[in-house]
Amino acid sequence: MEKLWRKHKILLCVLFAAACLSLLLMYRYYSAGQGASETAKTESMFSKAGQTKVAEQPAGAAQTEKKQPSGTVVVDIKGAVRRPGIYRMNASDRISDAIRSAGGLTERADGNRINLARKVSDEMVVYVPEKGEKEVPLTAGVSAADPAAAVAPGETGQGKMVNINTADEQGMQDLPGIGPAKAKAIVTYRNEHGPFKTVDELTNVSGIGEKSLEKIKPSATVN
Protein backbone atom coordinates (compact mmCIF):
# COMPACT_ATOMS: atom_id res chain seq x y z
CA MET A 1 0.00 0.00 0.00
CA GLU A 2 2.79 2.32 0.89
CA LYS A 3 4.57 1.51 -2.37
CA LEU A 4 1.42 2.29 -4.33
CA TRP A 5 1.03 5.61 -2.57
CA ARG A 6 4.61 6.53 -3.40
CA LYS A 7 4.03 5.73 -7.07
CA HIS A 8 0.86 7.87 -7.17
CA LYS A 9 2.61 10.64 -5.29
CA ILE A 10 5.37 10.75 -7.87
CA LEU A 11 2.83 10.72 -10.69
CA LEU A 12 0.84 13.56 -9.08
CA CYS A 13 4.00 15.63 -8.71
CA VAL A 14 4.87 15.06 -12.36
CA LEU A 15 1.34 16.02 -13.46
CA PHE A 16 1.40 19.12 -11.24
CA ALA A 17 4.77 20.20 -12.66
CA ALA A 18 3.51 19.63 -16.21
CA ALA A 19 0.41 21.71 -15.49
CA CYS A 20 2.52 24.54 -14.07
CA LEU A 21 4.85 24.41 -17.04
CA SER A 22 1.89 24.51 -19.43
CA LEU A 23 0.42 27.52 -17.63
CA LEU A 24 3.79 29.29 -17.77
CA LEU A 25 4.17 28.64 -21.50
CA MET A 26 0.62 29.81 -22.19
CA TYR A 27 1.26 33.02 -20.20
CA ARG A 28 4.46 33.76 -22.11
CA TYR A 29 2.76 33.05 -25.44
CA TYR A 30 -0.14 35.35 -24.57
CA SER A 31 2.21 38.13 -23.41
CA ALA A 32 4.29 37.82 -26.58
CA GLY A 33 1.15 38.09 -28.70
CA GLN A 34 0.04 41.23 -26.90
CA GLY A 35 3.48 42.78 -27.31
CA ALA A 36 3.56 42.02 -31.02
CA SER A 37 0.13 43.56 -31.42
CA GLU A 38 1.18 46.73 -29.60
CA THR A 39 4.37 46.90 -31.68
CA ALA A 40 2.37 46.53 -34.91
CA LYS A 41 0.01 49.31 -33.80
CA THR A 42 2.94 51.59 -32.95
CA GLU A 43 4.67 50.89 -36.29
CA SER A 44 1.41 51.55 -38.09
CA MET A 45 1.03 54.92 -36.35
CA PHE A 46 4.58 55.95 -37.23
CA SER A 47 4.09 54.76 -40.80
CA LYS A 48 0.96 56.88 -41.22
CA ALA A 49 2.71 59.89 -39.70
CA GLY A 50 5.62 59.43 -42.09
CA GLN A 51 3.28 59.20 -45.06
CA THR A 52 1.51 62.38 -43.96
CA LYS A 53 4.84 64.17 -43.70
CA VAL A 54 5.93 63.00 -47.13
CA ALA A 55 2.60 64.04 -48.59
CA GLU A 56 3.00 67.52 -47.11
CA GLN A 57 6.48 68.08 -48.56
CA PRO A 58 5.48 68.65 -52.21
CA ALA A 59 3.11 71.43 -51.15
CA GLY A 60 5.92 73.15 -49.24
CA ALA A 61 8.27 72.67 -52.18
CA ALA A 62 5.68 74.16 -54.50
CA GLN A 63 5.36 77.21 -52.26
CA THR A 64 9.14 77.63 -52.26
CA GLU A 65 9.22 77.44 -56.04
CA LYS A 66 6.55 80.11 -56.26
CA LYS A 67 8.69 82.44 -54.14
CA GLN A 68 11.71 82.01 -56.41
CA PRO A 69 12.29 84.69 -59.04
CA SER A 70 11.09 83.87 -62.54
CA GLY A 71 14.38 84.91 -64.17
CA THR A 72 12.74 87.32 -66.62
CA VAL A 73 13.31 91.01 -67.27
CA VAL A 74 11.32 93.72 -69.05
CA VAL A 75 13.05 95.64 -71.84
CA ASP A 76 11.85 98.69 -73.79
CA ILE A 77 13.06 98.50 -77.41
CA LYS A 78 12.99 101.73 -79.41
CA GLY A 79 14.40 103.28 -82.56
CA ALA A 80 15.13 101.57 -85.86
CA VAL A 81 13.48 98.19 -85.21
CA ARG A 82 10.46 96.76 -87.02
CA ARG A 83 8.22 96.39 -83.94
CA PRO A 84 9.25 98.84 -81.18
CA GLY A 85 7.71 98.15 -77.81
CA ILE A 86 8.08 96.57 -74.38
CA TYR A 87 9.21 92.95 -74.32
CA ARG A 88 9.68 90.35 -71.58
CA MET A 89 13.04 88.60 -71.97
CA ASN A 90 15.06 85.96 -70.14
CA ALA A 91 17.71 87.42 -67.84
CA SER A 92 20.37 85.52 -69.80
CA ASP A 93 19.33 87.00 -73.17
CA ARG A 94 21.52 89.39 -75.18
CA ILE A 95 20.70 92.61 -77.01
CA SER A 96 20.62 90.57 -80.22
CA ASP A 97 17.78 88.47 -78.76
CA ALA A 98 15.85 91.59 -77.78
CA ILE A 99 16.17 93.08 -81.27
CA ARG A 100 15.13 89.77 -82.80
CA SER A 101 12.00 89.79 -80.61
CA ALA A 102 11.21 93.26 -81.95
CA GLY A 103 11.28 91.98 -85.54
CA GLY A 104 14.90 92.81 -86.28
CA LEU A 105 16.58 95.95 -87.57
CA THR A 106 15.05 98.17 -90.22
CA GLU A 107 16.89 99.06 -93.43
CA ARG A 108 17.81 102.44 -91.97
CA ALA A 109 19.23 101.00 -88.74
CA ASP A 110 22.92 101.50 -87.99
CA GLY A 111 23.75 98.03 -86.67
CA ASN A 112 27.45 98.85 -86.32
CA ARG A 113 26.66 101.12 -83.38
CA ILE A 114 24.89 98.45 -81.32
CA ASN A 115 26.60 96.12 -78.85
CA LEU A 116 24.64 92.98 -79.74
CA ALA A 117 26.61 90.80 -77.32
CA ARG A 118 25.61 92.72 -74.22
CA LYS A 119 23.19 91.08 -71.75
CA VAL A 120 19.80 92.67 -71.15
CA SER A 121 18.76 93.90 -67.69
CA ASP A 122 15.45 94.80 -66.09
CA GLU A 123 14.04 98.25 -67.08
CA MET A 124 16.67 98.60 -69.80
CA VAL A 125 15.92 100.78 -72.81
CA VAL A 126 17.44 99.52 -76.05
CA TYR A 127 17.64 102.33 -78.58
CA VAL A 128 18.75 101.48 -82.11
CA PRO A 129 19.99 104.59 -83.97
CA GLU A 130 19.50 105.17 -87.67
CA LYS A 131 22.36 105.66 -90.10
CA GLY A 132 23.70 109.19 -89.86
CA GLU A 133 21.95 109.85 -86.53
CA LYS A 134 24.39 111.74 -84.31
CA GLU A 135 22.47 112.36 -81.11
CA VAL A 136 20.64 109.59 -79.29
CA PRO A 137 17.36 111.06 -77.97
CA LEU A 138 16.84 111.15 -74.21
CA THR A 139 14.13 108.90 -72.85
CA ALA A 140 12.11 109.71 -69.75
CA GLY A 141 13.68 108.07 -66.70
CA VAL A 142 16.99 107.17 -68.37
CA SER A 143 20.04 108.89 -69.78
CA ALA A 144 21.05 108.98 -73.42
CA ALA A 145 22.98 105.93 -74.58
CA ASP A 146 26.45 105.24 -75.79
CA PRO A 147 25.86 104.83 -79.55
CA ALA A 148 27.88 101.62 -79.44
CA ALA A 149 25.66 100.03 -76.78
CA ALA A 150 22.10 99.78 -75.53
CA VAL A 151 20.56 102.50 -73.43
CA ALA A 152 20.60 101.79 -69.71
CA PRO A 153 20.11 104.07 -66.68
CA GLY A 154 23.28 106.01 -65.91
CA GLU A 155 25.03 105.29 -69.24
CA THR A 156 25.38 107.94 -71.90
CA GLY A 157 26.71 108.49 -75.34
CA GLN A 158 29.45 110.52 -76.90
CA GLY A 159 29.93 113.85 -75.12
CA LYS A 160 27.70 112.75 -72.23
CA MET A 161 28.08 110.77 -69.00
CA VAL A 162 29.70 107.32 -69.06
CA ASN A 163 29.04 104.89 -66.20
CA ILE A 164 32.47 103.47 -65.41
CA ASN A 165 30.85 100.63 -63.42
CA THR A 166 28.91 99.23 -66.38
CA ALA A 167 30.61 100.44 -69.56
CA ASP A 168 32.69 97.96 -71.55
CA GLU A 169 36.08 98.72 -73.08
CA GLN A 170 34.50 100.31 -76.14
CA GLY A 171 32.24 102.48 -73.99
CA MET A 172 35.18 103.60 -71.83
CA GLN A 173 36.82 105.09 -74.90
CA ASP A 174 34.13 107.78 -74.97
CA LEU A 175 35.84 109.31 -71.95
CA PRO A 176 38.25 112.15 -72.81
CA GLY A 177 41.84 110.93 -73.17
CA ILE A 178 40.94 107.23 -72.83
CA GLY A 179 42.15 104.97 -75.62
CA PRO A 180 41.96 101.17 -76.00
CA ALA A 181 44.85 100.48 -73.59
CA LYS A 182 43.53 102.63 -70.75
CA ALA A 183 39.97 101.45 -71.35
CA LYS A 184 41.14 97.86 -70.94
CA ALA A 185 43.07 98.81 -67.80
CA ILE A 186 39.94 100.38 -66.25
CA VAL A 187 37.77 97.34 -66.98
CA THR A 188 40.47 94.96 -65.69
CA TYR A 189 40.81 96.96 -62.45
CA ARG A 190 37.02 96.97 -61.99
CA ASN A 191 36.83 93.20 -62.51
CA GLU A 192 39.59 92.60 -59.97
CA HIS A 193 38.56 95.12 -57.27
CA GLY A 194 34.81 95.47 -57.76
CA PRO A 195 32.71 98.51 -58.75
CA PHE A 196 34.10 102.03 -58.35
CA LYS A 197 32.63 103.93 -55.41
CA THR A 198 33.76 107.31 -56.75
CA VAL A 199 35.18 108.57 -60.03
CA ASP A 200 38.32 109.63 -58.12
CA GLU A 201 39.23 105.95 -57.72
CA LEU A 202 40.26 105.95 -61.38
CA THR A 203 43.65 107.25 -60.23
CA ASN A 204 44.25 103.76 -58.84
CA VAL A 205 44.26 102.47 -62.41
CA SER A 206 47.65 102.23 -64.03
CA GLY A 207 48.22 105.08 -66.52
CA ILE A 208 45.59 107.45 -65.08
CA GLY A 209 46.90 110.36 -63.04
CA GLU A 210 45.42 113.54 -61.60
CA LYS A 211 45.59 115.40 -64.93
CA SER A 212 43.78 112.59 -66.74
CA LEU A 213 41.19 112.48 -63.96
CA GLU A 214 40.43 116.18 -64.36
CA LYS A 215 39.54 115.57 -68.02
CA ILE A 216 37.52 112.44 -67.24
CA LYS A 217 35.45 113.61 -64.25
CA PRO A 218 32.98 115.83 -66.14
CA SER A 219 32.03 112.87 -68.36
CA ALA A 220 32.16 109.97 -65.86
CA THR A 221 29.71 108.66 -63.27
CA VAL A 222 29.43 105.64 -60.99
CA ASN A 223 25.62 105.67 -60.78
C-alpha atoms as a PDB file:
ATOM      1  CA  MET A   1       0.000   0.000   0.000  1.00  0.00           C
ATOM      2  CA  GLU A   2       2.785   2.317   0.893  1.00  0.00           C
ATOM      3  CA  LYS A   3       4.574   1.513  -2.372  1.00  0.00           C
ATOM      4  CA  LEU A   4       1.416   2.288  -4.328  1.00  0.00           C
ATOM      5  CA  TRP A   5       1.025   5.609  -2.574  1.00  0.00           C
ATOM      6  CA  ARG A   6       4.606   6.532  -3.404  1.00  0.00           C
ATOM      7  CA  LYS A   7       4.033   5.729  -7.067  1.00  0.00           C
ATOM      8  CA  HIS A   8       0.863   7.869  -7.175  1.00  0.00           C
ATOM      9  CA  LYS A   9       2.611  10.644  -5.290  1.00  0.00           C
ATOM     10  CA  ILE A  10       5.370  10.751  -7.866  1.00  0.00           C
ATOM     11  CA  LEU A  11       2.835  10.725 -10.685  1.00  0.00           C
ATOM     12  CA  LEU A  12       0.845  13.556  -9.085  1.00  0.00           C
ATOM     13  CA  CYS A  13       3.998  15.627  -8.714  1.00  0.00           C
ATOM     14  CA  VAL A  14       4.870  15.063 -12.361  1.00  0.00           C
ATOM     15  CA  LEU A  15       1.339  16.023 -13.456  1.00  0.00           C
ATOM     16  CA  PHE A  16       1.400  19.118 -11.245  1.00  0.00           C
ATOM     17  CA  ALA A  17       4.773  20.201 -12.656  1.00  0.00           C
ATOM     18  CA  ALA A  18       3.513  19.628 -16.206  1.00  0.00           C
ATOM     19  CA  ALA A  19       0.407  21.707 -15.486  1.00  0.00           C
ATOM     20  CA  CYS A  20       2.516  24.542 -14.072  1.00  0.00           C
ATOM     21  CA  LEU A  21       4.854  24.408 -17.042  1.00  0.00           C
ATOM     22  CA  SER A  22       1.890  24.507 -19.433  1.00  0.00           C
ATOM     23  CA  LEU A  23       0.420  27.521 -17.635  1.00  0.00           C
ATOM     24  CA  LEU A  24       3.790  29.292 -17.765  1.00  0.00           C
ATOM     25  CA  LEU A  25       4.170  28.643 -21.496  1.00  0.00           C
ATOM     26  CA  MET A  26       0.620  29.807 -22.187  1.00  0.00           C
ATOM     27  CA  TYR A  27       1.256  33.015 -20.199  1.00  0.00           C
ATOM     28  CA  ARG A  28       4.457  33.755 -22.108  1.00  0.00           C
ATOM     29  CA  TYR A  29       2.763  33.051 -25.437  1.00  0.00           C
ATOM     30  CA  TYR A  30      -0.141  35.346 -24.575  1.00  0.00           C
ATOM     31  CA  SER A  31       2.211  38.131 -23.407  1.00  0.00           C
ATOM     32  CA  ALA A  32       4.288  37.820 -26.583  1.00  0.00           C
ATOM     33  CA  GLY A  33       1.145  38.092 -28.703  1.00  0.00           C
ATOM     34  CA  GLN A  34       0.039  41.227 -26.904  1.00  0.00           C
ATOM     35  CA  GLY A  35       3.481  42.784 -27.305  1.00  0.00           C
ATOM     36  CA  ALA A  36       3.556  42.018 -31.018  1.00  0.00           C
ATOM     37  CA  SER A  37       0.125  43.564 -31.418  1.00  0.00           C
ATOM     38  CA  GLU A  38       1.183  46.733 -29.601  1.00  0.00           C
ATOM     39  CA  THR A  39       4.367  46.905 -31.683  1.00  0.00           C
ATOM     40  CA  ALA A  40       2.368  46.531 -34.908  1.00  0.00           C
ATOM     41  CA  LYS A  41       0.008  49.309 -33.797  1.00  0.00           C
ATOM     42  CA  THR A  42       2.941  51.591 -32.953  1.00  0.00           C
ATOM     43  CA  GLU A  43       4.669  50.886 -36.286  1.00  0.00           C
ATOM     44  CA  SER A  44       1.408  51.545 -38.086  1.00  0.00           C
ATOM     45  CA  MET A  45       1.028  54.916 -36.352  1.00  0.00           C
ATOM     46  CA  PHE A  46       4.580  55.951 -37.234  1.00  0.00           C
ATOM     47  CA  SER A  47       4.090  54.758 -40.805  1.00  0.00           C
ATOM     48  CA  LYS A  48       0.962  56.877 -41.220  1.00  0.00           C
ATOM     49  CA  ALA A  49       2.710  59.892 -39.701  1.00  0.00           C
ATOM     50  CA  GLY A  50       5.624  59.427 -42.087  1.00  0.00           C
ATOM     51  CA  GLN A  51       3.282  59.202 -45.061  1.00  0.00           C
ATOM     52  CA  THR A  52       1.509  62.381 -43.960  1.00  0.00           C
ATOM     53  CA  LYS A  53       4.839  64.166 -43.698  1.00  0.00           C
ATOM     54  CA  VAL A  54       5.927  63.004 -47.131  1.00  0.00           C
ATOM     55  CA  ALA A  55       2.600  64.044 -48.592  1.00  0.00           C
ATOM     56  CA  GLU A  56       3.003  67.519 -47.107  1.00  0.00           C
ATOM     57  CA  GLN A  57       6.483  68.076 -48.561  1.00  0.00           C
ATOM     58  CA  PRO A  58       5.480  68.653 -52.211  1.00  0.00           C
ATOM     59  CA  ALA A  59       3.105  71.428 -51.145  1.00  0.00           C
ATOM     60  CA  GLY A  60       5.920  73.148 -49.241  1.00  0.00           C
ATOM     61  CA  ALA A  61       8.266  72.671 -52.181  1.00  0.00           C
ATOM     62  CA  ALA A  62       5.676  74.163 -54.502  1.00  0.00           C
ATOM     63  CA  GLN A  63       5.359  77.211 -52.257  1.00  0.00           C
ATOM     64  CA  THR A  64       9.143  77.626 -52.255  1.00  0.00           C
ATOM     65  CA  GLU A  65       9.217  77.438 -56.044  1.00  0.00           C
ATOM     66  CA  LYS A  66       6.547  80.113 -56.263  1.00  0.00           C
ATOM     67  CA  LYS A  67       8.691  82.440 -54.141  1.00  0.00           C
ATOM     68  CA  GLN A  68      11.712  82.011 -56.414  1.00  0.00           C
ATOM     69  CA  PRO A  69      12.288  84.693 -59.045  1.00  0.00           C
ATOM     70  CA  SER A  70      11.091  83.869 -62.540  1.00  0.00           C
ATOM     71  CA  GLY A  71      14.379  84.907 -64.175  1.00  0.00           C
ATOM     72  CA  THR A  72      12.740  87.316 -66.621  1.00  0.00           C
ATOM     73  CA  VAL A  73      13.306  91.014 -67.269  1.00  0.00           C
ATOM     74  CA  VAL A  74      11.321  93.715 -69.049  1.00  0.00           C
ATOM     75  CA  VAL A  75      13.051  95.639 -71.836  1.00  0.00           C
ATOM     76  CA  ASP A  76      11.847  98.690 -73.791  1.00  0.00           C
ATOM     77  CA  ILE A  77      13.056  98.501 -77.409  1.00  0.00           C
ATOM     78  CA  LYS A  78      12.992 101.734 -79.408  1.00  0.00           C
ATOM     79  CA  GLY A  79      14.399 103.277 -82.561  1.00  0.00           C
ATOM     80  CA  ALA A  80      15.126 101.570 -85.860  1.00  0.00           C
ATOM     81  CA  VAL A  81      13.480  98.193 -85.214  1.00  0.00           C
ATOM     82  CA  ARG A  82      10.456  96.762 -87.015  1.00  0.00           C
ATOM     83  CA  ARG A  83       8.222  96.391 -83.944  1.00  0.00           C
ATOM     84  CA  PRO A  84       9.251  98.837 -81.179  1.00  0.00           C
ATOM     85  CA  GLY A  85       7.711  98.154 -77.805  1.00  0.00           C
ATOM     86  CA  ILE A  86       8.084  96.574 -74.382  1.00  0.00           C
ATOM     87  CA  TYR A  87       9.215  92.951 -74.318  1.00  0.00           C
ATOM     88  CA  ARG A  88       9.683  90.345 -71.583  1.00  0.00           C
ATOM     89  CA  MET A  89      13.040  88.597 -71.969  1.00  0.00           C
ATOM     90  CA  ASN A  90      15.062  85.960 -70.138  1.00  0.00           C
ATOM     91  CA  ALA A  91      17.707  87.420 -67.840  1.00  0.00           C
ATOM     92  CA  SER A  92      20.367  85.517 -69.803  1.00  0.00           C
ATOM     93  CA  ASP A  93      19.330  86.996 -73.173  1.00  0.00           C
ATOM     94  CA  ARG A  94      21.517  89.393 -75.176  1.00  0.00           C
ATOM     95  CA  ILE A  95      20.696  92.609 -77.014  1.00  0.00           C
ATOM     96  CA  SER A  96      20.620  90.574 -80.216  1.00  0.00           C
ATOM     97  CA  ASP A  97      17.780  88.467 -78.762  1.00  0.00           C
ATOM     98  CA  ALA A  98      15.850  91.585 -77.783  1.00  0.00           C
ATOM     99  CA  ILE A  99      16.175  93.081 -81.266  1.00  0.00           C
ATOM    100  CA  ARG A 100      15.125  89.765 -82.804  1.00  0.00           C
ATOM    101  CA  SER A 101      11.999  89.794 -80.606  1.00  0.00           C
ATOM    102  CA  ALA A 102      11.214  93.263 -81.951  1.00  0.00           C
ATOM    103  CA  GLY A 103      11.275  91.982 -85.536  1.00  0.00           C
ATOM    104  CA  GLY A 104      14.902  92.811 -86.277  1.00  0.00           C
ATOM    105  CA  LEU A 105      16.576  95.952 -87.570  1.00  0.00           C
ATOM    106  CA  THR A 106      15.051  98.172 -90.220  1.00  0.00           C
ATOM    107  CA  GLU A 107      16.892  99.055 -93.430  1.00  0.00           C
ATOM    108  CA  ARG A 108      17.808 102.440 -91.968  1.00  0.00           C
ATOM    109  CA  ALA A 109      19.233 101.004 -88.739  1.00  0.00           C
ATOM    110  CA  ASP A 110      22.917 101.500 -87.993  1.00  0.00           C
ATOM    111  CA  GLY A 111      23.754  98.033 -86.667  1.00  0.00           C
ATOM    112  CA  ASN A 112      27.452  98.854 -86.325  1.00  0.00           C
ATOM    113  CA  ARG A 113      26.664 101.119 -83.378  1.00  0.00           C
ATOM    114  CA  ILE A 114      24.888  98.452 -81.318  1.00  0.00           C
ATOM    115  CA  ASN A 115      26.599  96.118 -78.849  1.00  0.00           C
ATOM    116  CA  LEU A 116      24.643  92.981 -79.743  1.00  0.00           C
ATOM    117  CA  ALA A 117      26.610  90.797 -77.322  1.00  0.00           C
ATOM    118  CA  ARG A 118      25.612  92.716 -74.218  1.00  0.00           C
ATOM    119  CA  LYS A 119      23.185  91.084 -71.753  1.00  0.00           C
ATOM    120  CA  VAL A 120      19.796  92.670 -71.146  1.00  0.00           C
ATOM    121  CA  SER A 121      18.759  93.903 -67.691  1.00  0.00           C
ATOM    122  CA  ASP A 122      15.447  94.796 -66.090  1.00  0.00           C
ATOM    123  CA  GLU A 123      14.042  98.248 -67.077  1.00  0.00           C
ATOM    124  CA  MET A 124      16.671  98.603 -69.801  1.00  0.00           C
ATOM    125  CA  VAL A 125      15.916 100.785 -72.806  1.00  0.00           C
ATOM    126  CA  VAL A 126      17.439  99.523 -76.049  1.00  0.00           C
ATOM    127  CA  TYR A 127      17.643 102.333 -78.579  1.00  0.00           C
ATOM    128  CA  VAL A 128      18.750 101.477 -82.113  1.00  0.00           C
ATOM    129  CA  PRO A 129      19.990 104.593 -83.969  1.00  0.00           C
ATOM    130  CA  GLU A 130      19.496 105.171 -87.673  1.00  0.00           C
ATOM    131  CA  LYS A 131      22.356 105.659 -90.096  1.00  0.00           C
ATOM    132  CA  GLY A 132      23.700 109.193 -89.862  1.00  0.00           C
ATOM    133  CA  GLU A 133      21.954 109.845 -86.535  1.00  0.00           C
ATOM    134  CA  LYS A 134      24.389 111.735 -84.306  1.00  0.00           C
ATOM    135  CA  GLU A 135      22.466 112.360 -81.108  1.00  0.00           C
ATOM    136  CA  VAL A 136      20.638 109.590 -79.292  1.00  0.00           C
ATOM    137  CA  PRO A 137      17.361 111.060 -77.969  1.00  0.00           C
ATOM    138  CA  LEU A 138      16.838 111.152 -74.206  1.00  0.00           C
ATOM    139  CA  THR A 139      14.131 108.898 -72.851  1.00  0.00           C
ATOM    140  CA  ALA A 140      12.110 109.708 -69.753  1.00  0.00           C
ATOM    141  CA  GLY A 141      13.679 108.073 -66.704  1.00  0.00           C
ATOM    142  CA  VAL A 142      16.991 107.166 -68.372  1.00  0.00           C
ATOM    143  CA  SER A 143      20.037 108.889 -69.783  1.00  0.00           C
ATOM    144  CA  ALA A 144      21.055 108.978 -73.419  1.00  0.00           C
ATOM    145  CA  ALA A 145      22.983 105.927 -74.584  1.00  0.00           C
ATOM    146  CA  ASP A 146      26.451 105.236 -75.786  1.00  0.00           C
ATOM    147  CA  PRO A 147      25.859 104.827 -79.552  1.00  0.00           C
ATOM    148  CA  ALA A 148      27.880 101.617 -79.439  1.00  0.00           C
ATOM    149  CA  ALA A 149      25.656 100.026 -76.778  1.00  0.00           C
ATOM    150  CA  ALA A 150      22.102  99.778 -75.534  1.00  0.00           C
ATOM    151  CA  VAL A 151      20.558 102.500 -73.429  1.00  0.00           C
ATOM    152  CA  ALA A 152      20.602 101.787 -69.706  1.00  0.00           C
ATOM    153  CA  PRO A 153      20.110 104.070 -66.682  1.00  0.00           C
ATOM    154  CA  GLY A 154      23.283 106.006 -65.914  1.00  0.00           C
ATOM    155  CA  GLU A 155      25.028 105.286 -69.243  1.00  0.00           C
ATOM    156  CA  THR A 156      25.382 107.935 -71.901  1.00  0.00           C
ATOM    157  CA  GLY A 157      26.711 108.492 -75.337  1.00  0.00           C
ATOM    158  CA  GLN A 158      29.445 110.521 -76.904  1.00  0.00           C
ATOM    159  CA  GLY A 159      29.929 113.849 -75.118  1.00  0.00           C
ATOM    160  CA  LYS A 160      27.702 112.745 -72.228  1.00  0.00           C
ATOM    161  CA  MET A 161      28.082 110.772 -69.000  1.00  0.00           C
ATOM    162  CA  VAL A 162      29.702 107.318 -69.059  1.00  0.00           C
ATOM    163  CA  ASN A 163      29.043 104.893 -66.198  1.00  0.00           C
ATOM    164  CA  ILE A 164      32.473 103.475 -65.406  1.00  0.00           C
ATOM    165  CA  ASN A 165      30.851 100.626 -63.422  1.00  0.00           C
ATOM    166  CA  THR A 166      28.906  99.233 -66.377  1.00  0.00           C
ATOM    167  CA  ALA A 167      30.615 100.437 -69.562  1.00  0.00           C
ATOM    168  CA  ASP A 168      32.690  97.958 -71.550  1.00  0.00           C
ATOM    169  CA  GLU A 169      36.079  98.722 -73.085  1.00  0.00           C
ATOM    170  CA  GLN A 170      34.500 100.310 -76.138  1.00  0.00           C
ATOM    171  CA  GLY A 171      32.237 102.476 -73.987  1.00  0.00           C
ATOM    172  CA  MET A 172      35.182 103.601 -71.828  1.00  0.00           C
ATOM    173  CA  GLN A 173      36.824 105.088 -74.904  1.00  0.00           C
ATOM    174  CA  ASP A 174      34.125 107.781 -74.969  1.00  0.00           C
ATOM    175  CA  LEU A 175      35.845 109.312 -71.955  1.00  0.00           C
ATOM    176  CA  PRO A 176      38.255 112.145 -72.806  1.00  0.00           C
ATOM    177  CA  GLY A 177      41.839 110.929 -73.167  1.00  0.00           C
ATOM    178  CA  ILE A 178      40.942 107.233 -72.827  1.00  0.00           C
ATOM    179  CA  GLY A 179      42.152 104.968 -75.619  1.00  0.00           C
ATOM    180  CA  PRO A 180      41.957 101.167 -76.003  1.00  0.00           C
ATOM    181  CA  ALA A 181      44.849 100.477 -73.589  1.00  0.00           C
ATOM    182  CA  LYS A 182      43.528 102.633 -70.745  1.00  0.00           C
ATOM    183  CA  ALA A 183      39.972 101.448 -71.347  1.00  0.00           C
ATOM    184  CA  LYS A 184      41.139  97.856 -70.941  1.00  0.00           C
ATOM    185  CA  ALA A 185      43.068  98.808 -67.795  1.00  0.00           C
ATOM    186  CA  ILE A 186      39.939 100.383 -66.252  1.00  0.00           C
ATOM    187  CA  VAL A 187      37.774  97.341 -66.985  1.00  0.00           C
ATOM    188  CA  THR A 188      40.466  94.963 -65.687  1.00  0.00           C
ATOM    189  CA  TYR A 189      40.807  96.963 -62.454  1.00  0.00           C
ATOM    190  CA  ARG A 190      37.025  96.969 -61.988  1.00  0.00           C
ATOM    191  CA  ASN A 191      36.826  93.198 -62.508  1.00  0.00           C
ATOM    192  CA  GLU A 192      39.593  92.604 -59.968  1.00  0.00           C
ATOM    193  CA  HIS A 193      38.562  95.116 -57.271  1.00  0.00           C
ATOM    194  CA  GLY A 194      34.814  95.474 -57.756  1.00  0.00           C
ATOM    195  CA  PRO A 195      32.711  98.514 -58.753  1.00  0.00           C
ATOM    196  CA  PHE A 196      34.096 102.028 -58.353  1.00  0.00           C
ATOM    197  CA  LYS A 197      32.631 103.928 -55.405  1.00  0.00           C
ATOM    198  CA  THR A 198      33.756 107.313 -56.753  1.00  0.00           C
ATOM    199  CA  VAL A 199      35.185 108.573 -60.026  1.00  0.00           C
ATOM    200  CA  ASP A 200      38.323 109.633 -58.122  1.00  0.00           C
ATOM    201  CA  GLU A 201      39.233 105.954 -57.719  1.00  0.00           C
ATOM    202  CA  LEU A 202      40.256 105.951 -61.378  1.00  0.00           C
ATOM    203  CA  THR A 203      43.652 107.252 -60.230  1.00  0.00           C
ATOM    204  CA  ASN A 204      44.254 103.757 -58.836  1.00  0.00           C
ATOM    205  CA  VAL A 205      44.260 102.467 -62.407  1.00  0.00           C
ATOM    206  CA  SER A 206      47.655 102.234 -64.034  1.00  0.00           C
ATOM    207  CA  GLY A 207      48.221 105.077 -66.522  1.00  0.00           C
ATOM    208  CA  ILE A 208      45.591 107.455 -65.083  1.00  0.00           C
ATOM    209  CA  GLY A 209      46.899 110.358 -63.036  1.00  0.00           C
ATOM    210  CA  GLU A 210      45.425 113.539 -61.603  1.00  0.00           C
ATOM    211  CA  LYS A 211      45.586 115.401 -64.929  1.00  0.00           C
ATOM    212  CA  SER A 212      43.776 112.590 -66.744  1.00  0.00           C
ATOM    213  CA  LEU A 213      41.192 112.478 -63.955  1.00  0.00           C
ATOM    214  CA  GLU A 214      40.435 116.179 -64.357  1.00  0.00           C
ATOM    215  CA  LYS A 215      39.541 115.569 -68.015  1.00  0.00           C
ATOM    216  CA  ILE A 216      37.520 112.442 -67.242  1.00  0.00           C
ATOM    217  CA  LYS A 217      35.450 113.613 -64.246  1.00  0.00           C
ATOM    218  CA  PRO A 218      32.979 115.829 -66.139  1.00  0.00           C
ATOM    219  CA  SER A 219      32.028 112.874 -68.357  1.00  0.00           C
ATOM    220  CA  ALA A 220      32.160 109.970 -65.858  1.00  0.00           C
ATOM    221  CA  THR A 221      29.711 108.656 -63.268  1.00  0.00           C
ATOM    222  CA  VAL A 222      29.433 105.636 -60.988  1.00  0.00           C
ATOM    223  CA  ASN A 223      25.616 105.673 -60.782  1.00  0.00           C
END
